[in-house]
Amino acid sequence: MDREYVRDMFRAMLKARLLESKLSSLYKAGKIVGGVYLGKGQEAVSAALGASLVKGRDIFAPLIRDQAGRTAFGEPLIDCTRTYLGSVLGPMKGRDGNIHRGRPLDGMPAMISHLGAQVPLVGGMLMARRLKGCLDGVVGATCVGDGATSTGAFHEGVNMVAVERLPMVVVVSNNQFAYSTPNDRQFACEDLLDRAKGYGLGGHAVDGTDPLACARVIGRAVALARGGAGPQMVVARLLRLSGHGEHDDGSYVPGDLRGSSLGRDCLENGIVQMIDAGFSTVEEIEAWQLEYADEVQAAVAQAQQEPTPDPWHEDWRACSVELGGKAI
């Protein structure tokens, strides 16, 4: 594996964990309106995908637990803190809920809460590029949870990208629960990976708690899609290490599942792997922790000082067009 790819992936995991820990504290202190959804336990899967993509060329549609992927893809911390704290200077101008942020012109469409809907969205963006003749070397990717694979949008989107052989990677983070609904009440197939063959996608399985395995498997899936092998699906098995959101204590998760191999912390595993495999040193990781903690604090402090939208003076148009010499 490429050394810089692995280091970029790990740094994004670490930075995302520190950022989300701060967001959790702000939420509990009543400083954030709305919900906070953490990617704790899923950072390896998300960061492996984000670090495999190229900002400015590829398309990445993250979901609610993809702060690590956003960070690896190049999203600045200030975009996140401004959105959560309602700054008018944020990418959504303080108009939208905390997690529904994006920068479409940079290849990152805003997140859609209707799970599964980002699969046909990314497929459509890839089709548009094909029609414009600028699809060569481009990959589109999104992450979804196990629950999203039961939606109609997921089925229609995956079917379309398979038929069109679009260069897309769909990463399914099977964290065992769709909110509080366990796998055995969601689907009857033995493994979600079975669906890849049914749709005609390349299929890959990975232990989502193993960062180096995620880097290898997800990186290869992206390379295959980029190289013309058609769409790929990766199913990562893991367990989210928090509730569905910070409002949820996750009490429905059995203790034996939490104590199983699925409940391992990918970041803790990653620290050991980085050192043992010679990708970084203890001192280097400690320095990154201090550096990123300062970056997080600075981004929060900046966003807290910025204005929020004024509903009486805000221009609420998402866009405007000229008609008869007049903007409407």
C-alpha atoms as a PDB file:
ATOM      1  CA  MET A   1       0.000   0.000   0.000  1.00  0.00           C
ATOM      2  CA  ASP A   2       1.112   3.545  -0.722  1.00  0.00           C
ATOM      3  CA  ARG A   3       2.651   5.039   2.416  1.00  0.00           C
ATOM      4  CA  GLU A   4       1.207   8.530   1.952  1.00  0.00           C
ATOM      5  CA  TYR A   5      -2.261   7.145   1.253  1.00  0.00           C
ATOM      6  CA  VAL A   6      -2.226   5.233   4.540  1.00  0.00           C
ATOM      7  CA  ARG A   7      -0.889   8.230   6.463  1.00  0.00           C
ATOM      8  CA  ASP A   8      -3.484  10.562   4.920  1.00  0.00           C
ATOM      9  CA  MET A   9      -6.217   8.103   5.821  1.00  0.00           C
ATOM     10  CA  PHE A  10      -5.072   7.741   9.420  1.00  0.00           C
ATOM     11  CA  ARG A  11      -4.652  11.489   9.933  1.00  0.00           C
ATOM     12  CA  ALA A  12      -8.214  12.021   8.687  1.00  0.00           C
ATOM     13  CA  MET A  13      -9.474   9.378  11.138  1.00  0.00           C
ATOM     14  CA  LEU A  14      -7.700  11.068  14.015  1.00  0.00           C
ATOM     15  CA  LYS A  15      -8.790  14.588  13.098  1.00  0.00           C
ATOM     16  CA  ALA A  16     -12.410  13.518  12.611  1.00  0.00           C
ATOM     17  CA  ARG A  17     -12.504  11.781  16.001  1.00  0.00           C
ATOM     18  CA  LEU A  18     -11.181  14.903  17.752  1.00  0.00           C
ATOM     19  CA  LEU A  19     -13.618  17.143  15.877  1.00  0.00           C
ATOM     20  CA  GLU A  20     -16.636  14.979  16.618  1.00  0.00           C
ATOM     21  CA  SER A  21     -15.692  14.677  20.285  1.00  0.00           C
ATOM     22  CA  LYS A  22     -15.816  18.463  20.434  1.00  0.00           C
ATOM     23  CA  LEU A  23     -19.160  18.541  18.621  1.00  0.00           C
ATOM     24  CA  SER A  24     -20.554  16.061  21.138  1.00  0.00           C
ATOM     25  CA  SER A  25     -19.468  18.315  24.009  1.00  0.00           C
ATOM     26  CA  LEU A  26     -21.022  21.372  22.359  1.00  0.00           C
ATOM     27  CA  TYR A  27     -24.292  19.494  21.821  1.00  0.00           C
ATOM     28  CA  LYS A  28     -24.450  18.370  25.446  1.00  0.00           C
ATOM     29  CA  ALA A  29     -23.750  21.944  26.531  1.00  0.00           C
ATOM     30  CA  GLY A  30     -26.720  23.185  24.501  1.00  0.00           C
ATOM     31  CA  LYS A  31     -24.564  25.055  21.979  1.00  0.00           C
ATOM     32  CA  ILE A  32     -25.788  23.099  18.937  1.00  0.00           C
ATOM     33  CA  VAL A  33     -29.382  23.160  17.720  1.00  0.00           C
ATOM     34  CA  GLY A  34     -30.539  19.960  16.040  1.00  0.00           C
ATOM     35  CA  GLY A  35     -28.790  16.603  16.067  1.00  0.00           C
ATOM     36  CA  VAL A  36     -25.203  15.416  16.230  1.00  0.00           C
ATOM     37  CA  TYR A  37     -24.366  12.100  14.560  1.00  0.00           C
ATOM     38  CA  LEU A  38     -20.954  10.605  15.180  1.00  0.00           C
ATOM     39  CA  GLY A  39     -18.854   8.341  13.010  1.00  0.00           C
ATOM     40  CA  LYS A  40     -17.098   6.764  15.999  1.00  0.00           C
ATOM     41  CA  GLY A  41     -16.124   3.243  14.988  1.00  0.00           C
ATOM     42  CA  GLN A  42     -16.621   3.876  11.269  1.00  0.00           C
ATOM     43  CA  GLU A  43     -13.726   6.240  10.603  1.00  0.00           C
ATOM     44  CA  ALA A  44     -11.511   3.640   8.932  1.00  0.00           C
ATOM     45  CA  VAL A  45     -14.100   2.789   6.279  1.00  0.00           C
ATOM     46  CA  SER A  46     -14.956   6.407   5.596  1.00  0.00           C
ATOM     47  CA  ALA A  47     -11.399   7.733   5.554  1.00  0.00           C
ATOM     48  CA  ALA A  48     -10.182   4.903   3.327  1.00  0.00           C
ATOM     49  CA  LEU A  49     -12.728   5.956   0.729  1.00  0.00           C
ATOM     50  CA  GLY A  50     -12.171   9.699   1.036  1.00  0.00           C
ATOM     51  CA  ALA A  51      -8.389   9.307   0.817  1.00  0.00           C
ATOM     52  CA  SER A  52      -8.755   7.177  -2.347  1.00  0.00           C
ATOM     53  CA  LEU A  53     -10.549   9.976  -4.178  1.00  0.00           C
ATOM     54  CA  VAL A  54      -9.198  13.129  -5.801  1.00  0.00           C
ATOM     55  CA  LYS A  55     -10.831  16.423  -4.876  1.00  0.00           C
ATOM     56  CA  GLY A  56     -11.546  18.487  -7.964  1.00  0.00           C
ATOM     57  CA  ARG A  57     -11.875  15.426 -10.180  1.00  0.00           C
ATOM     58  CA  ASP A  58     -13.930  12.789  -8.379  1.00  0.00           C
ATOM     59  CA  ILE A  59     -17.396  12.876  -6.810  1.00  0.00           C
ATOM     60  CA  PHE A  60     -17.963  12.012  -3.159  1.00  0.00           C
ATOM     61  CA  ALA A  61     -21.396  11.964  -1.516  1.00  0.00           C
ATOM     62  CA  PRO A  62     -20.876  11.419   2.232  1.00  0.00           C
ATOM     63  CA  LEU A  63     -23.497  10.267   4.733  1.00  0.00           C
ATOM     64  CA  ILE A  64     -24.014  11.230   8.376  1.00  0.00           C
ATOM     65  CA  ARG A  65     -21.064   9.235   9.760  1.00  0.00           C
ATOM     66  CA  ASP A  66     -18.552  10.311   7.148  1.00  0.00           C
ATOM     67  CA  GLN A  67     -16.667  13.148   8.794  1.00  0.00           C
ATOM     68  CA  ALA A  68     -13.464  11.128   8.380  1.00  0.00           C
ATOM     69  CA  GLY A  69     -14.173  10.700   4.674  1.00  0.00           C
ATOM     70  CA  ARG A  70     -14.992  14.390   4.284  1.00  0.00           C
ATOM     71  CA  THR A  71     -11.740  15.290   5.995  1.00  0.00           C
ATOM     72  CA  ALA A  72      -9.716  12.899   3.853  1.00  0.00           C
ATOM     73  CA  PHE A  73     -11.394  14.288   0.721  1.00  0.00           C
ATOM     74  CA  GLY A  74     -10.298  17.800   1.677  1.00  0.00           C
ATOM     75  CA  GLU A  75     -13.228  19.422   3.458  1.00  0.00           C
ATOM     76  CA  PRO A  76     -11.867  22.105   5.827  1.00  0.00           C
ATOM     77  CA  LEU A  77     -12.859  21.880   9.497  1.00  0.00           C
ATOM     78  CA  ILE A  78     -14.398  25.340   9.362  1.00  0.00           C
ATOM     79  CA  ASP A  79     -17.078  24.106   6.936  1.00  0.00           C
ATOM     80  CA  CYS A  80     -18.197  21.613   9.574  1.00  0.00           C
ATOM     81  CA  THR A  81     -18.125  23.948  12.589  1.00  0.00           C
ATOM     82  CA  ARG A  82     -19.823  26.770  10.711  1.00  0.00           C
ATOM     83  CA  THR A  83     -22.649  24.467   9.669  1.00  0.00           C
ATOM     84  CA  TYR A  84     -23.182  22.960  13.124  1.00  0.00           C
ATOM     85  CA  LEU A  85     -23.093  26.380  14.782  1.00  0.00           C
ATOM     86  CA  GLY A  86     -25.280  28.090  12.175  1.00  0.00           C
ATOM     87  CA  SER A  87     -22.792  30.585  10.773  1.00  0.00           C
ATOM     88  CA  VAL A  88     -24.020  32.543   7.780  1.00  0.00           C
ATOM     89  CA  LEU A  89     -20.527  32.145   6.311  1.00  0.00           C
ATOM     90  CA  GLY A  90     -20.803  28.352   6.122  1.00  0.00           C
ATOM     91  CA  PRO A  91     -21.323  26.377   2.914  1.00  0.00           C
ATOM     92  CA  MET A  92     -25.100  26.238   3.545  1.00  0.00           C
ATOM     93  CA  LYS A  93     -25.207  29.857   4.824  1.00  0.00           C
ATOM     94  CA  GLY A  94     -26.761  28.776   8.107  1.00  0.00           C
ATOM     95  CA  ARG A  95     -29.954  27.755   6.355  1.00  0.00           C
ATOM     96  CA  ASP A  96     -29.814  23.993   6.673  1.00  0.00           C
ATOM     97  CA  GLY A  97     -29.463  21.337   9.317  1.00  0.00           C
ATOM     98  CA  ASN A  98     -26.062  20.453  10.682  1.00  0.00           C
ATOM     99  CA  ILE A  99     -25.127  17.539   8.466  1.00  0.00           C
ATOM    100  CA  HIS A 100     -26.741  18.573   5.176  1.00  0.00           C
ATOM    101  CA  ARG A 101     -23.738  20.429   3.910  1.00  0.00           C
ATOM    102  CA  GLY A 102     -21.767  20.114   0.728  1.00  0.00           C
ATOM    103  CA  ARG A 103     -19.912  21.923  -2.020  1.00  0.00           C
ATOM    104  CA  PRO A 104     -21.235  20.523  -5.306  1.00  0.00           C
ATOM    105  CA  LEU A 105     -18.801  22.529  -7.426  1.00  0.00           C
ATOM    106  CA  ASP A 106     -15.974  20.766  -5.593  1.00  0.00           C
ATOM    107  CA  GLY A 107     -17.497  17.352  -6.254  1.00  0.00           C
ATOM    108  CA  MET A 108     -19.190  16.973  -2.873  1.00  0.00           C
ATOM    109  CA  PRO A 109     -22.986  17.179  -3.119  1.00  0.00           C
ATOM    110  CA  ALA A 110     -24.887  18.064   0.038  1.00  0.00           C
ATOM    111  CA  MET A 111     -25.965  15.080   2.085  1.00  0.00           C
ATOM    112  CA  ILE A 112     -29.511  13.776   1.621  1.00  0.00           C
ATOM    113  CA  SER A 113     -31.215  12.346   4.700  1.00  0.00           C
ATOM    114  CA  HIS A 114     -33.453  10.084   2.621  1.00  0.00           C
ATOM    115  CA  LEU A 115     -31.146   7.109   2.875  1.00  0.00           C
ATOM    116  CA  GLY A 116     -30.120   5.535  -0.399  1.00  0.00           C
ATOM    117  CA  ALA A 117     -30.930   8.648  -2.417  1.00  0.00           C
ATOM    118  CA  GLN A 118     -27.282   9.545  -2.915  1.00  0.00           C
ATOM    119  CA  VAL A 119     -26.689   6.431  -5.010  1.00  0.00           C
ATOM    120  CA  PRO A 120     -28.856   7.605  -7.949  1.00  0.00           C
ATOM    121  CA  LEU A 121     -27.632  11.161  -7.358  1.00  0.00           C
ATOM    122  CA  VAL A 122     -23.993  10.204  -7.875  1.00  0.00           C
ATOM    123  CA  GLY A 123     -25.000   7.951 -10.746  1.00  0.00           C
ATOM    124  CA  GLY A 124     -26.745  10.900 -12.381  1.00  0.00           C
ATOM    125  CA  MET A 125     -23.709  13.132 -11.901  1.00  0.00           C
ATOM    126  CA  LEU A 126     -21.535  10.502 -13.561  1.00  0.00           C
ATOM    127  CA  MET A 127     -23.981  10.172 -16.450  1.00  0.00           C
ATOM    128  CA  ALA A 128     -23.904  13.953 -16.904  1.00  0.00           C
ATOM    129  CA  ARG A 129     -20.133  13.863 -17.155  1.00  0.00           C
ATOM    130  CA  ARG A 130     -20.328  11.027 -19.669  1.00  0.00           C
ATOM    131  CA  LEU A 131     -22.700  13.063 -21.828  1.00  0.00           C
ATOM    132  CA  LYS A 132     -20.303  16.000 -21.642  1.00  0.00           C
ATOM    133  CA  GLY A 133     -17.407  13.762 -22.610  1.00  0.00           C
ATOM    134  CA  CYS A 134     -15.455  14.338 -19.396  1.00  0.00           C
ATOM    135  CA  LEU A 135     -15.831  11.054 -17.518  1.00  0.00           C
ATOM    136  CA  ASP A 136     -12.383   9.585 -18.225  1.00  0.00           C
ATOM    137  CA  GLY A 137     -10.477   8.891 -15.016  1.00  0.00           C
ATOM    138  CA  VAL A 138     -13.370   9.997 -12.794  1.00  0.00           C
ATOM    139  CA  VAL A 139     -14.819   7.972  -9.917  1.00  0.00           C
ATOM    140  CA  GLY A 140     -18.059   8.642  -8.084  1.00  0.00           C
ATOM    141  CA  ALA A 141     -18.521   7.251  -4.596  1.00  0.00           C
ATOM    142  CA  THR A 142     -20.878   7.247  -1.663  1.00  0.00           C
ATOM    143  CA  CYS A 143     -21.227   5.556   1.700  1.00  0.00           C
ATOM    144  CA  VAL A 144     -24.508   4.126   2.950  1.00  0.00           C
ATOM    145  CA  GLY A 145     -25.564   2.070   5.942  1.00  0.00           C
ATOM    146  CA  ASP A 146     -27.120  -1.372   5.967  1.00  0.00           C
ATOM    147  CA  GLY A 147     -30.579   0.151   6.351  1.00  0.00           C
ATOM    148  CA  ALA A 148     -30.208   2.163   3.135  1.00  0.00           C
ATOM    149  CA  THR A 149     -29.802  -1.043   1.128  1.00  0.00           C
ATOM    150  CA  SER A 150     -33.486  -1.786   1.764  1.00  0.00           C
ATOM    151  CA  THR A 151     -34.724   1.399   0.090  1.00  0.00           C
ATOM    152  CA  GLY A 152     -36.127   1.793  -3.392  1.00  0.00           C
ATOM    153  CA  ALA A 153     -33.704   4.593  -4.233  1.00  0.00           C
ATOM    154  CA  PHE A 154     -30.761   2.324  -3.469  1.00  0.00           C
ATOM    155  CA  HIS A 155     -32.153  -0.454  -5.685  1.00  0.00           C
ATOM    156  CA  GLU A 156     -32.935   1.814  -8.625  1.00  0.00           C
ATOM    157  CA  GLY A 157     -29.649   3.684  -8.330  1.00  0.00           C
ATOM    158  CA  VAL A 158     -27.435   0.598  -8.097  1.00  0.00           C
ATOM    159  CA  ASN A 159     -29.316  -1.076 -10.913  1.00  0.00           C
ATOM    160  CA  MET A 160     -28.803   1.970 -13.126  1.00  0.00           C
ATOM    161  CA  VAL A 161     -25.078   2.344 -12.465  1.00  0.00           C
ATOM    162  CA  ALA A 162     -24.610  -1.391 -13.064  1.00  0.00           C
ATOM    163  CA  VAL A 163     -26.458  -1.352 -16.388  1.00  0.00           C
ATOM    164  CA  GLU A 164     -24.528   1.751 -17.510  1.00  0.00           C
ATOM    165  CA  ARG A 165     -21.238   0.401 -16.095  1.00  0.00           C
ATOM    166  CA  LEU A 166     -20.473   3.709 -14.459  1.00  0.00           C
ATOM    167  CA  PRO A 167     -17.227   4.151 -12.509  1.00  0.00           C
ATOM    168  CA  MET A 168     -18.881   4.188  -9.098  1.00  0.00           C
ATOM    169  CA  VAL A 169     -18.024   2.725  -5.705  1.00  0.00           C
ATOM    170  CA  VAL A 170     -20.779   2.117  -3.150  1.00  0.00           C
ATOM    171  CA  VAL A 171     -19.478   1.441   0.336  1.00  0.00           C
ATOM    172  CA  VAL A 172     -21.991  -0.199   2.666  1.00  0.00           C
ATOM    173  CA  SER A 173     -21.114   0.199   6.330  1.00  0.00           C
ATOM    174  CA  ASN A 174     -23.000  -2.667   7.899  1.00  0.00           C
ATOM    175  CA  ASN A 175     -23.036  -1.451  11.499  1.00  0.00           C
ATOM    176  CA  GLN A 176     -25.668  -4.084  12.356  1.00  0.00           C
ATOM    177  CA  PHE A 177     -28.539  -1.666  12.970  1.00  0.00           C
ATOM    178  CA  ALA A 178     -30.735   0.625  10.886  1.00  0.00           C
ATOM    179  CA  TYR A 179     -31.196   3.055  13.766  1.00  0.00           C
ATOM    180  CA  SER A 180     -32.453   0.389  16.229  1.00  0.00           C
ATOM    181  CA  THR A 181     -33.582  -2.304  13.749  1.00  0.00           C
ATOM    182  CA  PRO A 182     -31.164  -5.266  13.708  1.00  0.00           C
ATOM    183  CA  ASN A 183     -29.978  -6.997  10.534  1.00  0.00           C
ATOM    184  CA  ASP A 184     -32.296  -9.994  10.930  1.00  0.00           C
ATOM    185  CA  ARG A 185     -35.311  -7.679  10.656  1.00  0.00           C
ATOM    186  CA  GLN A 186     -33.901  -5.810   7.650  1.00  0.00           C
ATOM    187  CA  PHE A 187     -32.925  -8.414   5.081  1.00  0.00           C
ATOM    188  CA  ALA A 188     -33.174 -12.182   4.574  1.00  0.00           C
ATOM    189  CA  CYS A 189     -30.075 -12.785   2.465  1.00  0.00           C
ATOM    190  CA  GLU A 190     -27.139 -14.388   4.234  1.00  0.00           C
ATOM    191  CA  ASP A 191     -24.814 -11.451   3.573  1.00  0.00           C
ATOM    192  CA  LEU A 192     -25.320  -8.022   2.011  1.00  0.00           C
ATOM    193  CA  LEU A 193     -22.403  -8.815  -0.280  1.00  0.00           C
ATOM    194  CA  ASP A 194     -24.716 -11.263  -2.065  1.00  0.00           C
ATOM    195  CA  ARG A 195     -26.532  -8.254  -3.482  1.00  0.00           C
ATOM    196  CA  ALA A 196     -23.464  -7.109  -5.411  1.00  0.00           C
ATOM    197  CA  LYS A 197     -23.578 -10.207  -7.609  1.00  0.00           C
ATOM    198  CA  GLY A 198     -27.331  -9.872  -8.040  1.00  0.00           C
ATOM    199  CA  TYR A 199     -26.983  -6.345  -9.369  1.00  0.00           C
ATOM    200  CA  GLY A 200     -23.912  -7.121 -11.472  1.00  0.00           C
ATOM    201  CA  LEU A 201     -21.405  -5.167  -9.398  1.00  0.00           C
ATOM    202  CA  GLY A 202     -17.921  -6.156  -8.336  1.00  0.00           C
ATOM    203  CA  GLY A 203     -18.167  -7.239  -4.700  1.00  0.00           C
ATOM    204  CA  HIS A 204     -15.679  -6.856  -1.855  1.00  0.00           C
ATOM    205  CA  ALA A 205     -15.907  -7.589   1.876  1.00  0.00           C
ATOM    206  CA  VAL A 206     -13.772  -6.035   4.598  1.00  0.00           C
ATOM    207  CA  ASP A 207     -13.454  -5.897   8.368  1.00  0.00           C
ATOM    208  CA  GLY A 208     -14.387  -2.286   9.073  1.00  0.00           C
ATOM    209  CA  THR A 209     -12.471  -2.284  12.359  1.00  0.00           C
ATOM    210  CA  ASP A 210      -9.164  -3.007  10.556  1.00  0.00           C
ATOM    211  CA  PRO A 211      -7.815   0.247   9.027  1.00  0.00           C
ATOM    212  CA  LEU A 212      -5.109  -1.343   6.893  1.00  0.00           C
ATOM    213  CA  ALA A 213      -7.587  -3.867   5.499  1.00  0.00           C
ATOM    214  CA  CYS A 214      -9.973  -0.989   4.696  1.00  0.00           C
ATOM    215  CA  ALA A 215      -7.168   0.885   2.940  1.00  0.00           C
ATOM    216  CA  ARG A 216      -6.298  -2.175   0.866  1.00  0.00           C
ATOM    217  CA  VAL A 217      -9.826  -3.301  -0.057  1.00  0.00           C
ATOM    218  CA  ILE A 218     -11.496   0.070  -0.566  1.00  0.00           C
ATOM    219  CA  GLY A 219      -8.457   1.486  -2.335  1.00  0.00           C
ATOM    220  CA  ARG A 220      -8.534  -1.468  -4.727  1.00  0.00           C
ATOM    221  CA  ALA A 221     -12.271  -1.029  -5.379  1.00  0.00           C
ATOM    222  CA  VAL A 222     -11.695   2.617  -6.316  1.00  0.00           C
ATOM    223  CA  ALA A 223      -8.778   1.658  -8.560  1.00  0.00           C
ATOM    224  CA  LEU A 224     -10.917  -0.955 -10.320  1.00  0.00           C
ATOM    225  CA  ALA A 225     -13.733   1.515 -10.956  1.00  0.00           C
ATOM    226  CA  ARG A 226     -11.264   4.124 -12.192  1.00  0.00           C
ATOM    227  CA  GLY A 227      -9.625   1.573 -14.468  1.00  0.00           C
ATOM    228  CA  GLY A 228     -12.827   0.643 -16.299  1.00  0.00           C
ATOM    229  CA  ALA A 229     -13.927  -2.458 -14.391  1.00  0.00           C
ATOM    230  CA  GLY A 230     -17.385  -1.031 -13.774  1.00  0.00           C
ATOM    231  CA  PRO A 231     -19.144  -0.206 -10.499  1.00  0.00           C
ATOM    232  CA  GLN A 232     -17.969  -1.801  -7.271  1.00  0.00           C
ATOM    233  CA  MET A 233     -19.651  -2.507  -3.928  1.00  0.00           C
ATOM    234  CA  VAL A 234     -17.740  -2.858  -0.667  1.00  0.00           C
ATOM    235  CA  VAL A 235     -19.481  -4.239   2.417  1.00  0.00           C
ATOM    236  CA  ALA A 236     -17.717  -3.408   5.671  1.00  0.00           C
ATOM    237  CA  ARG A 237     -18.740  -5.206   8.862  1.00  0.00           C
ATOM    238  CA  LEU A 238     -18.451  -3.201  12.063  1.00  0.00           C
ATOM    239  CA  LEU A 239     -20.452  -1.684  14.898  1.00  0.00           C
ATOM    240  CA  ARG A 240     -21.064   1.988  15.534  1.00  0.00           C
ATOM    241  CA  LEU A 241     -19.610   2.860  18.921  1.00  0.00           C
ATOM    242  CA  SER A 242     -22.306   5.343  19.877  1.00  0.00           C
ATOM    243  CA  GLY A 243     -26.058   5.631  19.545  1.00  0.00           C
ATOM    244  CA  HIS A 244     -27.713   6.577  16.279  1.00  0.00           C
ATOM    245  CA  GLY A 245     -27.160  10.170  17.353  1.00  0.00           C
ATOM    246  CA  GLU A 246     -26.124  11.923  20.531  1.00  0.00           C
ATOM    247  CA  HIS A 247     -29.790  11.922  21.558  1.00  0.00           C
ATOM    248  CA  ASP A 248     -29.786   8.091  21.549  1.00  0.00           C
ATOM    249  CA  ASP A 249     -27.987   5.925  24.120  1.00  0.00           C
ATOM    250  CA  GLY A 250     -27.951   2.804  21.926  1.00  0.00           C
ATOM    251  CA  SER A 251     -29.351   0.675  24.750  1.00  0.00           C
ATOM    252  CA  TYR A 252     -30.858  -1.738  22.209  1.00  0.00           C
ATOM    253  CA  VAL A 253     -27.391  -3.018  21.224  1.00  0.00           C
ATOM    254  CA  PRO A 254     -26.707  -6.302  23.101  1.00  0.00           C
ATOM    255  CA  GLY A 255     -23.704  -6.361  25.386  1.00  0.00           C
ATOM    256  CA  ASP A 256     -22.250  -9.458  23.748  1.00  0.00           C
ATOM    257  CA  LEU A 257     -22.255  -7.672  20.396  1.00  0.00           C
ATOM    258  CA  ARG A 258     -20.477  -4.669  21.883  1.00  0.00           C
ATOM    259  CA  GLY A 259     -17.867  -7.020  23.315  1.00  0.00           C
ATOM    260  CA  SER A 260     -17.367  -8.909  20.050  1.00  0.00           C
ATOM    261  CA  SER A 261     -14.733  -8.259  17.391  1.00  0.00           C
ATOM    262  CA  LEU A 262     -17.245  -5.998  15.630  1.00  0.00           C
ATOM    263  CA  GLY A 263     -17.117  -3.636  18.603  1.00  0.00           C
ATOM    264  CA  ARG A 264     -13.397  -2.959  18.340  1.00  0.00           C
ATOM    265  CA  ASP A 265     -12.358   0.687  17.965  1.00  0.00           C
ATOM    266  CA  CYS A 266     -10.830   1.165  14.532  1.00  0.00           C
ATOM    267  CA  LEU A 267      -8.864   4.205  15.696  1.00  0.00           C
ATOM    268  CA  GLU A 268      -7.198   2.291  18.518  1.00  0.00           C
ATOM    269  CA  ASN A 269      -6.445  -0.525  16.080  1.00  0.00           C
ATOM    270  CA  GLY A 270      -5.090   2.024  13.638  1.00  0.00           C
ATOM    271  CA  ILE A 271      -2.650   3.501  16.140  1.00  0.00           C
ATOM    272  CA  VAL A 272      -1.152   0.060  16.769  1.00  0.00           C
ATOM    273  CA  GLN A 273      -1.033  -0.758  13.054  1.00  0.00           C
ATOM    274  CA  MET A 274       0.590   2.549  12.083  1.00  0.00           C
ATOM    275  CA  ILE A 275       3.380   2.018  14.589  1.00  0.00           C
ATOM    276  CA  ASP A 276       3.885  -1.727  14.058  1.00  0.00           C
ATOM    277  CA  ALA A 277       3.932  -1.398  10.263  1.00  0.00           C
ATOM    278  CA  GLY A 278       6.313   1.566  10.353  1.00  0.00           C
ATOM    279  CA  PHE A 279       3.902   4.080   8.836  1.00  0.00           C
ATOM    280  CA  SER A 280       4.423   6.485  11.759  1.00  0.00           C
ATOM    281  CA  THR A 281       5.947   6.761  15.216  1.00  0.00           C
ATOM    282  CA  VAL A 282       4.419   7.245  18.645  1.00  0.00           C
ATOM    283  CA  GLU A 283       5.893  10.746  18.804  1.00  0.00           C
ATOM    284  CA  GLU A 284       4.468  11.644  15.412  1.00  0.00           C
ATOM    285  CA  ILE A 285       0.969  10.491  16.363  1.00  0.00           C
ATOM    286  CA  GLU A 286       1.126  12.441  19.626  1.00  0.00           C
ATOM    287  CA  ALA A 287       2.180  15.546  17.690  1.00  0.00           C
ATOM    288  CA  TRP A 288      -0.734  15.102  15.286  1.00  0.00           C
ATOM    289  CA  GLN A 289      -3.147  14.826  18.214  1.00  0.00           C
ATOM    290  CA  LEU A 290      -1.955  18.130  19.662  1.00  0.00           C
ATOM    291  CA  GLU A 291      -1.965  19.847  16.272  1.00  0.00           C
ATOM    292  CA  TYR A 292      -5.468  18.687  15.373  1.00  0.00           C
ATOM    293  CA  ALA A 293      -6.879  19.521  18.808  1.00  0.00           C
ATOM    294  CA  ASP A 294      -5.673  23.097  18.282  1.00  0.00           C
ATOM    295  CA  GLU A 295      -7.178  23.166  14.769  1.00  0.00           C
ATOM    296  CA  VAL A 296     -10.530  21.959  16.086  1.00  0.00           C
ATOM    297  CA  GLN A 297     -10.573  24.533  18.869  1.00  0.00           C
ATOM    298  CA  ALA A 298      -9.683  27.330  16.443  1.00  0.00           C
ATOM    299  CA  ALA A 299     -12.426  26.301  13.993  1.00  0.00           C
ATOM    300  CA  VAL A 300     -15.024  26.196  16.771  1.00  0.00           C
ATOM    301  CA  ALA A 301     -13.949  29.560  18.185  1.00  0.00           C
ATOM    302  CA  GLN A 302     -14.096  31.177  14.758  1.00  0.00           C
ATOM    303  CA  ALA A 303     -17.553  29.821  13.933  1.00  0.00           C
ATOM    304  CA  GLN A 304     -18.915  30.882  17.336  1.00  0.00           C
ATOM    305  CA  GLN A 305     -17.960  34.486  16.634  1.00  0.00           C
ATOM    306  CA  GLU A 306     -19.625  34.655  13.237  1.00  0.00           C
ATOM    307  CA  PRO A 307     -23.159  35.956  12.534  1.00  0.00           C
ATOM    308  CA  THR A 308     -26.168  33.711  12.031  1.00  0.00           C
ATOM    309  CA  PRO A 309     -28.792  34.366   9.314  1.00  0.00           C
ATOM    310  CA  ASP A 310     -31.181  37.257   9.823  1.00  0.00           C
ATOM    311  CA  PRO A 311     -34.581  36.000   8.577  1.00  0.00           C
ATOM    312  CA  TRP A 312     -35.776  39.566   7.904  1.00  0.00           C
ATOM    313  CA  HIS A 313     -32.917  40.434   5.585  1.00  0.00           C
ATOM    314  CA  GLU A 314     -31.833  37.072   4.222  1.00  0.00           C
ATOM    315  CA  ASP A 315     -32.121  36.439   0.483  1.00  0.00           C
ATOM    316  CA  TRP A 316     -33.683  32.973   0.665  1.00  0.00           C
ATOM    317  CA  ARG A 317     -33.352  32.207  -3.044  1.00  0.00           C
ATOM    318  CA  ALA A 318     -31.208  29.163  -3.618  1.00  0.00           C
ATOM    319  CA  CYS A 319     -30.528  30.504  -7.116  1.00  0.00           C
ATOM    320  CA  SER A 320     -31.786  33.195  -9.446  1.00  0.00           C
ATOM    321  CA  VAL A 321     -32.240  33.465 -13.177  1.00  0.00           C
ATOM    322  CA  GLU A 322     -32.722  36.362 -15.554  1.00  0.00           C
ATOM    323  CA  LEU A 323     -36.135  36.571 -17.190  1.00  0.00           C
ATOM    324  CA  GLY A 324     -37.038  39.589 -19.244  1.00  0.00           C
ATOM    325  CA  GLY A 325     -34.128  41.509 -17.756  1.00  0.00           C
ATOM    326  CA  LYS A 326     -35.330  40.827 -14.222  1.00  0.00           C
ATOM    327  CA  ALA A 327     -33.861  38.452 -11.651  1.00  0.00           C
ATOM    328  CA  ILE A 328     -36.415  35.963 -10.313  1.00  0.00           C
END
